[in-house]
């Protein structure tokens, strides 16, 4: 199974970002963290974490290419904050092997050679 979003991201990235931006109260943040810690202890970690790394500039370019109105209005500061939280979290993540893939330079969606290398990188870690 491949999962796009995880409980880890919800707590470590999105809830953290909301709390730092003062869009979540301390009480709600504390409750969220407690729930996350309980869930984390109860669940088996993933066999592999794949982090698709790219710059905020590339993220904004991809948003423009998709043309989804709901994404077009996302402030760049919000994207920078999320990106920084992802980088910090991935650096300390140690629950399973991780593959950090430079998705800005290596495009497995449009480049067959990159896709083959991406699959090989995953296979080496599983």
Protein backbone atom coordinates (compact mmCIF):
# COMPACT_ATOMS: atom_id res chain seq x y z
CA UNK A 1 0.00 0.00 0.00
CA UNK A 2 1.20 3.52 -0.76
CA UNK A 3 -0.19 6.31 1.37
CA UNK A 4 0.02 9.94 0.34
CA UNK A 5 -0.54 11.58 3.72
CA UNK A 6 0.15 10.07 7.11
CA UNK A 7 -0.62 10.68 10.77
CA UNK A 8 2.98 11.83 11.04
CA UNK A 9 2.46 14.67 8.59
CA UNK A 10 -0.83 15.66 10.19
CA UNK A 11 0.81 16.17 13.57
CA UNK A 12 4.41 17.06 12.70
CA UNK A 13 3.67 19.37 9.78
CA UNK A 14 0.08 20.57 9.48
CA UNK A 15 -0.98 20.79 13.15
CA UNK A 16 2.42 22.23 14.04
CA UNK A 17 2.07 24.83 11.31
CA UNK A 18 -1.44 25.80 12.44
CA UNK A 19 -0.26 26.16 16.02
CA UNK A 20 2.76 28.28 15.05
CA UNK A 21 0.52 30.51 12.92
CA UNK A 22 -1.82 30.89 15.91
CA UNK A 23 -4.66 29.23 14.00
CA UNK A 24 -4.90 26.49 16.66
CA UNK A 25 -5.24 27.04 20.40
CA UNK A 26 -2.71 25.61 22.83
CA UNK A 27 -5.43 23.34 24.27
CA UNK A 28 -6.31 21.94 20.84
CA UNK A 29 -2.63 21.57 19.94
CA UNK A 30 -1.89 19.70 23.18
CA UNK A 31 -4.89 17.42 22.62
CA UNK A 32 -3.79 16.79 19.04
CA UNK A 33 -0.24 15.93 20.14
CA UNK A 34 -1.49 13.55 22.84
CA UNK A 35 -3.72 11.76 20.36
CA UNK A 36 -0.85 11.59 17.86
CA UNK A 37 1.54 10.12 20.42
CA UNK A 38 -1.03 7.46 21.37
CA UNK A 39 -1.65 6.57 17.74
CA UNK A 40 2.06 6.49 16.99
CA UNK A 41 2.67 3.99 19.77
CA UNK A 42 -0.20 1.77 18.59
CA UNK A 43 0.60 1.73 14.87
CA UNK A 44 3.36 -0.07 13.03
CA UNK A 45 5.57 2.46 11.26
CA UNK A 46 5.74 2.38 7.48
CA UNK A 47 8.21 0.04 5.80
CA UNK A 48 9.63 3.03 3.93
CA UNK A 49 9.16 6.78 4.03
CA UNK A 50 9.53 8.46 0.63
CA UNK A 51 10.06 12.21 0.79
CA UNK A 52 9.81 14.05 -2.52
CA UNK A 53 12.00 17.10 -1.93
CA UNK A 54 11.70 20.27 -4.00
CA UNK A 55 11.97 24.01 -3.54
CA UNK A 56 9.07 26.36 -2.88
CA UNK A 57 9.73 27.84 -6.32
CA UNK A 58 9.13 24.42 -7.90
CA UNK A 59 6.06 23.86 -5.75
CA UNK A 60 4.58 27.16 -6.96
CA UNK A 61 5.39 26.28 -10.56
CA UNK A 62 3.61 22.93 -10.19
CA UNK A 63 0.59 24.65 -8.63
CA UNK A 64 0.41 27.03 -11.60
CA UNK A 65 0.66 24.11 -14.04
CA UNK A 66 -2.18 22.23 -12.31
CA UNK A 67 -4.29 25.39 -12.35
CA UNK A 68 -6.49 24.42 -9.42
CA UNK A 69 -8.13 27.62 -8.12
CA UNK A 70 -8.03 26.40 -4.50
CA UNK A 71 -4.23 25.99 -4.71
CA UNK A 72 -3.51 29.18 -6.66
CA UNK A 73 -4.42 31.39 -3.70
CA UNK A 74 -2.16 29.63 -1.16
CA UNK A 75 0.28 32.26 0.16
CA UNK A 76 3.97 31.65 -0.50
CA UNK A 77 4.72 32.18 3.20
CA UNK A 78 2.43 29.28 4.05
CA UNK A 79 4.27 27.04 1.57
CA UNK A 80 7.64 28.10 2.97
CA UNK A 81 6.50 27.28 6.48
CA UNK A 82 5.28 23.83 5.48
CA UNK A 83 8.44 23.15 3.49
CA UNK A 84 10.64 24.10 6.46
CA UNK A 85 8.63 21.85 8.79
CA UNK A 86 8.91 18.96 6.33
CA UNK A 87 12.69 19.39 6.09
CA UNK A 88 13.08 19.46 9.87
CA UNK A 89 10.83 16.46 10.37
CA UNK A 90 12.42 14.35 7.64
CA UNK A 91 15.90 15.09 9.03
CA UNK A 92 14.97 13.58 12.40
CA UNK A 93 12.66 10.82 11.15
CA UNK A 94 14.00 7.44 12.29
CA UNK A 95 11.05 5.05 12.50
CA UNK A 96 11.90 3.28 9.26
CA UNK A 97 14.18 3.60 6.25
CA UNK A 98 13.65 6.77 4.26
CA UNK A 99 14.26 7.77 0.69
CA UNK A 100 14.76 11.47 0.12
CA UNK A 101 14.19 12.03 -3.60
CA UNK A 102 15.14 15.27 -5.34
CA UNK A 103 11.90 15.58 -7.30
CA UNK A 104 12.93 18.92 -8.72
CA UNK A 105 15.95 17.46 -10.48
CA UNK A 106 14.75 13.88 -10.99
CA UNK A 107 11.23 13.69 -12.47
CA UNK A 108 9.90 10.13 -12.33
CA UNK A 109 6.55 11.30 -13.72
CA UNK A 110 7.83 12.43 -17.13
CA UNK A 111 11.28 10.84 -17.44
CA UNK A 112 11.53 7.07 -17.91
CA UNK A 113 15.19 6.93 -16.80
CA UNK A 114 14.33 8.79 -13.60
CA UNK A 115 11.38 6.45 -13.01
CA UNK A 116 13.64 3.41 -13.32
CA UNK A 117 16.14 4.94 -10.89
CA UNK A 118 13.34 5.86 -8.48
CA UNK A 119 12.06 2.29 -8.48
CA UNK A 120 15.58 0.95 -7.97
CA UNK A 121 16.11 3.31 -5.03
CA UNK A 122 12.90 2.10 -3.42
CA UNK A 123 13.76 -1.56 -4.05
CA UNK A 124 17.17 -1.11 -2.38
CA UNK A 125 15.51 0.15 0.79
CA UNK A 126 12.69 -2.41 1.04
